Protein backbone atom coordinates (compact mmCIF):
# COMPACT_ATOMS: atom_id res chain seq x y z
CA UNK A 1 0.00 0.00 0.00
CA UNK A 2 1.22 3.49 -0.74
CA UNK A 3 1.80 5.73 2.21
CA UNK A 4 0.50 9.21 1.47
CA UNK A 5 3.45 10.76 3.26
CA UNK A 6 5.91 9.12 0.83
CA UNK A 7 4.21 10.53 -2.25
CA UNK A 8 6.06 13.52 -3.55
CA UNK A 9 3.94 15.96 -5.45
CA UNK A 10 5.91 17.64 -8.17
CA UNK A 11 4.82 21.17 -8.93
CA UNK A 12 3.58 21.72 -12.45
CA UNK A 13 5.76 23.87 -14.59
CA UNK A 14 4.46 27.34 -15.02
CA UNK A 15 3.13 28.45 -18.35
CA UNK A 16 5.83 31.11 -18.69
CA UNK A 17 8.56 28.54 -18.15
CA UNK A 18 7.09 26.26 -20.85
CA UNK A 19 6.75 29.15 -23.32
CA UNK A 20 10.33 30.27 -22.70
CA UNK A 21 11.62 26.73 -23.10
CA UNK A 22 9.65 26.20 -26.33
CA UNK A 23 10.85 29.53 -27.71
CA UNK A 24 14.43 28.73 -26.83
CA UNK A 25 14.26 25.31 -28.48
CA UNK A 26 12.69 26.86 -31.59
CA UNK A 27 15.35 29.57 -31.82
CA UNK A 28 18.15 27.02 -31.40
CA UNK A 29 16.64 24.78 -34.11
CA UNK A 30 16.28 27.74 -36.48
CA UNK A 31 19.85 28.79 -35.79
CA UNK A 32 21.19 25.30 -36.44
CA UNK A 33 19.17 24.94 -39.65
CA UNK A 34 20.39 28.33 -40.84
CA UNK A 35 23.99 27.42 -40.09
CA UNK A 36 23.56 24.11 -41.92
CA UNK A 37 22.05 25.87 -44.95
CA UNK A 38 24.87 28.43 -45.04
CA UNK A 39 27.53 25.71 -44.82
CA UNK A 40 25.81 23.64 -47.52
CA UNK A 41 25.58 26.67 -49.82
CA UNK A 42 29.24 27.51 -49.21
CA UNK A 43 30.29 23.97 -50.09
CA UNK A 44 28.06 23.87 -53.18
CA UNK A 45 29.22 27.26 -54.42
CA UNK A 46 32.83 26.23 -53.96
CA UNK A 47 32.15 22.90 -55.71
CA UNK A 48 30.35 24.50 -58.65
CA UNK A 49 32.50 27.59 -58.87
CA UNK A 50 29.84 30.20 -58.21
CA UNK A 51 26.19 31.06 -58.29
CA UNK A 52 25.90 31.07 -62.08
CA UNK A 53 27.25 27.54 -62.42
CA UNK A 54 25.02 26.37 -59.56
CA UNK A 55 21.92 27.79 -61.27
CA UNK A 56 22.88 26.25 -64.59
CA UNK A 57 23.35 22.85 -62.92
CA UNK A 58 19.92 23.17 -61.29
CA UNK A 59 18.33 24.03 -64.65
CA UNK A 60 20.10 21.16 -66.43
CA UNK A 61 19.04 18.66 -63.75
CA UNK A 62 15.49 19.92 -63.18
CA UNK A 63 13.81 16.62 -64.06
CA UNK A 64 16.14 14.57 -61.82
CA UNK A 65 15.49 16.92 -58.93
CA UNK A 66 11.73 16.79 -59.63
CA UNK A 67 11.84 12.98 -59.47
CA UNK A 68 13.68 13.22 -56.15
CA UNK A 69 11.11 15.66 -54.74
CA UNK A 70 8.21 13.50 -55.93
CA UNK A 71 9.77 10.46 -54.24
CA UNK A 72 10.16 12.53 -51.07
CA UNK A 73 6.53 13.71 -51.23
CA UNK A 74 5.38 10.12 -51.75
CA UNK A 75 7.34 8.92 -48.72
CA UNK A 76 5.92 11.72 -46.60
CA UNK A 77 2.37 10.93 -47.75
CA UNK A 78 2.75 7.21 -46.98
CA UNK A 79 4.14 8.02 -43.53
CA UNK A 80 1.31 10.49 -42.89
CA UNK A 81 -1.40 7.98 -43.81
CA UNK A 82 0.19 5.32 -41.60
CA UNK A 83 0.29 7.76 -38.69
CA UNK A 84 -3.26 8.88 -39.39
CA UNK A 85 -4.55 5.32 -39.02
CA UNK A 86 -3.04 5.20 -35.51
CA UNK A 87 -5.24 8.03 -34.28
CA UNK A 88 -7.85 6.93 -31.76
CA UNK A 89 -11.24 6.54 -33.45
CA UNK A 90 -13.01 9.19 -31.42
CA UNK A 91 -10.27 11.75 -32.03
CA UNK A 92 -10.25 10.87 -35.72
CA UNK A 93 -14.02 11.39 -36.00
CA UNK A 94 -13.85 14.78 -34.32
CA UNK A 95 -10.94 16.11 -36.32
CA UNK A 96 -11.60 14.34 -39.63
CA UNK A 97 -12.97 17.46 -41.35
CA UNK A 98 -10.11 19.63 -40.10
CA UNK A 99 -7.50 17.06 -41.12
CA UNK A 100 -9.05 16.79 -44.58
CA UNK A 101 -8.80 20.57 -45.01
CA UNK A 102 -5.15 20.55 -43.96
CA UNK A 103 -4.38 17.66 -46.30
CA UNK A 104 -6.00 19.48 -49.25
CA UNK A 105 -4.10 22.66 -48.41
CA UNK A 106 -0.79 20.77 -48.25
CA UNK A 107 -1.44 19.16 -51.65
CA UNK A 108 -2.30 22.57 -53.13
CA UNK A 109 0.84 24.07 -51.59
CA UNK A 110 3.05 21.35 -53.09
CA UNK A 111 1.41 21.81 -56.49
CA UNK A 112 1.89 25.58 -56.27
CA UNK A 113 5.55 25.19 -55.36
CA UNK A 114 6.25 22.70 -58.14
CA UNK A 115 4.36 24.70 -60.77
CA UNK A 116 6.18 27.88 -59.75
CA UNK A 117 9.52 26.06 -60.05
CA UNK A 118 8.53 24.93 -63.54
CA UNK A 119 7.18 28.30 -64.65
CA UNK A 120 9.75 30.67 -63.21
CA UNK A 121 12.98 28.85 -63.90
CA UNK A 122 15.11 30.41 -66.65
CA UNK A 123 14.14 28.74 -69.90
CA UNK A 124 11.03 27.35 -68.20
CA UNK A 125 8.41 25.44 -70.12
CA UNK A 126 5.53 27.83 -69.36
C-alpha atoms as a PDB file:
ATOM      1  CA  UNK A   1       0.000   0.000   0.000  1.00  0.00           C
ATOM      2  CA  UNK A   2       1.216   3.493  -0.738  1.00  0.00           C
ATOM      3  CA  UNK A   3       1.800   5.725   2.209  1.00  0.00           C
ATOM      4  CA  UNK A   4       0.504   9.205   1.469  1.00  0.00           C
ATOM      5  CA  UNK A   5       3.447  10.765   3.257  1.00  0.00           C
ATOM      6  CA  UNK A   6       5.914   9.122   0.831  1.00  0.00           C
ATOM      7  CA  UNK A   7       4.214  10.526  -2.252  1.00  0.00           C
ATOM      8  CA  UNK A   8       6.056  13.524  -3.551  1.00  0.00           C
ATOM      9  CA  UNK A   9       3.936  15.964  -5.451  1.00  0.00           C
ATOM     10  CA  UNK A  10       5.906  17.644  -8.169  1.00  0.00           C
ATOM     11  CA  UNK A  11       4.821  21.168  -8.926  1.00  0.00           C
ATOM     12  CA  UNK A  12       3.576  21.722 -12.446  1.00  0.00           C
ATOM     13  CA  UNK A  13       5.759  23.867 -14.589  1.00  0.00           C
ATOM     14  CA  UNK A  14       4.464  27.340 -15.018  1.00  0.00           C
ATOM     15  CA  UNK A  15       3.132  28.450 -18.354  1.00  0.00           C
ATOM     16  CA  UNK A  16       5.828  31.114 -18.693  1.00  0.00           C
ATOM     17  CA  UNK A  17       8.562  28.539 -18.151  1.00  0.00           C
ATOM     18  CA  UNK A  18       7.092  26.263 -20.850  1.00  0.00           C
ATOM     19  CA  UNK A  19       6.745  29.146 -23.316  1.00  0.00           C
ATOM     20  CA  UNK A  20      10.325  30.274 -22.697  1.00  0.00           C
ATOM     21  CA  UNK A  21      11.618  26.731 -23.100  1.00  0.00           C
ATOM     22  CA  UNK A  22       9.650  26.203 -26.325  1.00  0.00           C
ATOM     23  CA  UNK A  23      10.847  29.532 -27.707  1.00  0.00           C
ATOM     24  CA  UNK A  24      14.431  28.728 -26.827  1.00  0.00           C
ATOM     25  CA  UNK A  25      14.264  25.309 -28.480  1.00  0.00           C
ATOM     26  CA  UNK A  26      12.694  26.860 -31.588  1.00  0.00           C
ATOM     27  CA  UNK A  27      15.347  29.571 -31.821  1.00  0.00           C
ATOM     28  CA  UNK A  28      18.150  27.021 -31.400  1.00  0.00           C
ATOM     29  CA  UNK A  29      16.639  24.782 -34.106  1.00  0.00           C
ATOM     30  CA  UNK A  30      16.283  27.742 -36.480  1.00  0.00           C
ATOM     31  CA  UNK A  31      19.850  28.795 -35.795  1.00  0.00           C
ATOM     32  CA  UNK A  32      21.189  25.297 -36.437  1.00  0.00           C
ATOM     33  CA  UNK A  33      19.166  24.935 -39.646  1.00  0.00           C
ATOM     34  CA  UNK A  34      20.388  28.329 -40.842  1.00  0.00           C
ATOM     35  CA  UNK A  35      23.995  27.417 -40.087  1.00  0.00           C
ATOM     36  CA  UNK A  36      23.564  24.110 -41.924  1.00  0.00           C
ATOM     37  CA  UNK A  37      22.050  25.872 -44.953  1.00  0.00           C
ATOM     38  CA  UNK A  38      24.873  28.426 -45.038  1.00  0.00           C
ATOM     39  CA  UNK A  39      27.534  25.705 -44.824  1.00  0.00           C
ATOM     40  CA  UNK A  40      25.815  23.644 -47.523  1.00  0.00           C
ATOM     41  CA  UNK A  41      25.580  26.669 -49.823  1.00  0.00           C
ATOM     42  CA  UNK A  42      29.240  27.515 -49.211  1.00  0.00           C
ATOM     43  CA  UNK A  43      30.287  23.968 -50.093  1.00  0.00           C
ATOM     44  CA  UNK A  44      28.056  23.869 -53.183  1.00  0.00           C
ATOM     45  CA  UNK A  45      29.216  27.263 -54.423  1.00  0.00           C
ATOM     46  CA  UNK A  46      32.828  26.231 -53.963  1.00  0.00           C
ATOM     47  CA  UNK A  47      32.152  22.897 -55.707  1.00  0.00           C
ATOM     48  CA  UNK A  48      30.345  24.497 -58.651  1.00  0.00           C
ATOM     49  CA  UNK A  49      32.504  27.593 -58.875  1.00  0.00           C
ATOM     50  CA  UNK A  50      29.841  30.200 -58.212  1.00  0.00           C
ATOM     51  CA  UNK A  51      26.189  31.064 -58.285  1.00  0.00           C
ATOM     52  CA  UNK A  52      25.895  31.069 -62.075  1.00  0.00           C
ATOM     53  CA  UNK A  53      27.254  27.536 -62.419  1.00  0.00           C
ATOM     54  CA  UNK A  54      25.025  26.371 -59.565  1.00  0.00           C
ATOM     55  CA  UNK A  55      21.918  27.792 -61.268  1.00  0.00           C
ATOM     56  CA  UNK A  56      22.881  26.253 -64.593  1.00  0.00           C
ATOM     57  CA  UNK A  57      23.346  22.854 -62.923  1.00  0.00           C
ATOM     58  CA  UNK A  58      19.918  23.168 -61.293  1.00  0.00           C
ATOM     59  CA  UNK A  59      18.330  24.032 -64.652  1.00  0.00           C
ATOM     60  CA  UNK A  60      20.100  21.163 -66.432  1.00  0.00           C
ATOM     61  CA  UNK A  61      19.043  18.662 -63.755  1.00  0.00           C
ATOM     62  CA  UNK A  62      15.486  19.920 -63.176  1.00  0.00           C
ATOM     63  CA  UNK A  63      13.814  16.618 -64.056  1.00  0.00           C
ATOM     64  CA  UNK A  64      16.139  14.571 -61.825  1.00  0.00           C
ATOM     65  CA  UNK A  65      15.487  16.920 -58.934  1.00  0.00           C
ATOM     66  CA  UNK A  66      11.732  16.794 -59.630  1.00  0.00           C
ATOM     67  CA  UNK A  67      11.837  12.984 -59.474  1.00  0.00           C
ATOM     68  CA  UNK A  68      13.680  13.222 -56.148  1.00  0.00           C
ATOM     69  CA  UNK A  69      11.113  15.656 -54.737  1.00  0.00           C
ATOM     70  CA  UNK A  70       8.211  13.498 -55.926  1.00  0.00           C
ATOM     71  CA  UNK A  71       9.773  10.462 -54.236  1.00  0.00           C
ATOM     72  CA  UNK A  72      10.164  12.526 -51.069  1.00  0.00           C
ATOM     73  CA  UNK A  73       6.529  13.711 -51.228  1.00  0.00           C
ATOM     74  CA  UNK A  74       5.382  10.124 -51.745  1.00  0.00           C
ATOM     75  CA  UNK A  75       7.342   8.924 -48.725  1.00  0.00           C
ATOM     76  CA  UNK A  76       5.915  11.719 -46.600  1.00  0.00           C
ATOM     77  CA  UNK A  77       2.366  10.930 -47.749  1.00  0.00           C
ATOM     78  CA  UNK A  78       2.749   7.215 -46.981  1.00  0.00           C
ATOM     79  CA  UNK A  79       4.140   8.023 -43.534  1.00  0.00           C
ATOM     80  CA  UNK A  80       1.309  10.490 -42.887  1.00  0.00           C
ATOM     81  CA  UNK A  81      -1.402   7.985 -43.811  1.00  0.00           C
ATOM     82  CA  UNK A  82       0.187   5.324 -41.603  1.00  0.00           C
ATOM     83  CA  UNK A  83       0.294   7.761 -38.685  1.00  0.00           C
ATOM     84  CA  UNK A  84      -3.264   8.878 -39.386  1.00  0.00           C
ATOM     85  CA  UNK A  85      -4.547   5.316 -39.021  1.00  0.00           C
ATOM     86  CA  UNK A  86      -3.038   5.201 -35.513  1.00  0.00           C
ATOM     87  CA  UNK A  87      -5.236   8.030 -34.277  1.00  0.00           C
ATOM     88  CA  UNK A  88      -7.855   6.931 -31.757  1.00  0.00           C
ATOM     89  CA  UNK A  89     -11.243   6.543 -33.449  1.00  0.00           C
ATOM     90  CA  UNK A  90     -13.012   9.192 -31.415  1.00  0.00           C
ATOM     91  CA  UNK A  91     -10.268  11.751 -32.029  1.00  0.00           C
ATOM     92  CA  UNK A  92     -10.254  10.866 -35.721  1.00  0.00           C
ATOM     93  CA  UNK A  93     -14.021  11.390 -35.999  1.00  0.00           C
ATOM     94  CA  UNK A  94     -13.849  14.775 -34.316  1.00  0.00           C
ATOM     95  CA  UNK A  95     -10.944  16.106 -36.320  1.00  0.00           C
ATOM     96  CA  UNK A  96     -11.604  14.341 -39.634  1.00  0.00           C
ATOM     97  CA  UNK A  97     -12.969  17.456 -41.352  1.00  0.00           C
ATOM     98  CA  UNK A  98     -10.112  19.629 -40.099  1.00  0.00           C
ATOM     99  CA  UNK A  99      -7.498  17.061 -41.121  1.00  0.00           C
ATOM    100  CA  UNK A 100      -9.046  16.787 -44.578  1.00  0.00           C
ATOM    101  CA  UNK A 101      -8.802  20.570 -45.012  1.00  0.00           C
ATOM    102  CA  UNK A 102      -5.150  20.553 -43.962  1.00  0.00           C
ATOM    103  CA  UNK A 103      -4.380  17.658 -46.304  1.00  0.00           C
ATOM    104  CA  UNK A 104      -6.002  19.478 -49.248  1.00  0.00           C
ATOM    105  CA  UNK A 105      -4.096  22.662 -48.406  1.00  0.00           C
ATOM    106  CA  UNK A 106      -0.789  20.770 -48.249  1.00  0.00           C
ATOM    107  CA  UNK A 107      -1.439  19.160 -51.645  1.00  0.00           C
ATOM    108  CA  UNK A 108      -2.303  22.568 -53.126  1.00  0.00           C
ATOM    109  CA  UNK A 109       0.840  24.071 -51.587  1.00  0.00           C
ATOM    110  CA  UNK A 110       3.045  21.349 -53.087  1.00  0.00           C
ATOM    111  CA  UNK A 111       1.405  21.810 -56.491  1.00  0.00           C
ATOM    112  CA  UNK A 112       1.885  25.578 -56.269  1.00  0.00           C
ATOM    113  CA  UNK A 113       5.552  25.191 -55.358  1.00  0.00           C
ATOM    114  CA  UNK A 114       6.249  22.699 -58.143  1.00  0.00           C
ATOM    115  CA  UNK A 115       4.362  24.704 -60.774  1.00  0.00           C
ATOM    116  CA  UNK A 116       6.182  27.884 -59.747  1.00  0.00           C
ATOM    117  CA  UNK A 117       9.521  26.063 -60.049  1.00  0.00           C
ATOM    118  CA  UNK A 118       8.532  24.929 -63.536  1.00  0.00           C
ATOM    119  CA  UNK A 119       7.177  28.302 -64.651  1.00  0.00           C
ATOM    120  CA  UNK A 120       9.748  30.669 -63.213  1.00  0.00           C
ATOM    121  CA  UNK A 121      12.978  28.853 -63.904  1.00  0.00           C
ATOM    122  CA  UNK A 122      15.106  30.414 -66.650  1.00  0.00           C
ATOM    123  CA  UNK A 123      14.140  28.737 -69.904  1.00  0.00           C
ATOM    124  CA  UNK A 124      11.031  27.346 -68.196  1.00  0.00           C
ATOM    125  CA  UNK A 125       8.413  25.440 -70.124  1.00  0.00           C
ATOM    126  CA  UNK A 126       5.530  27.835 -69.360  1.00  0.00           C
END
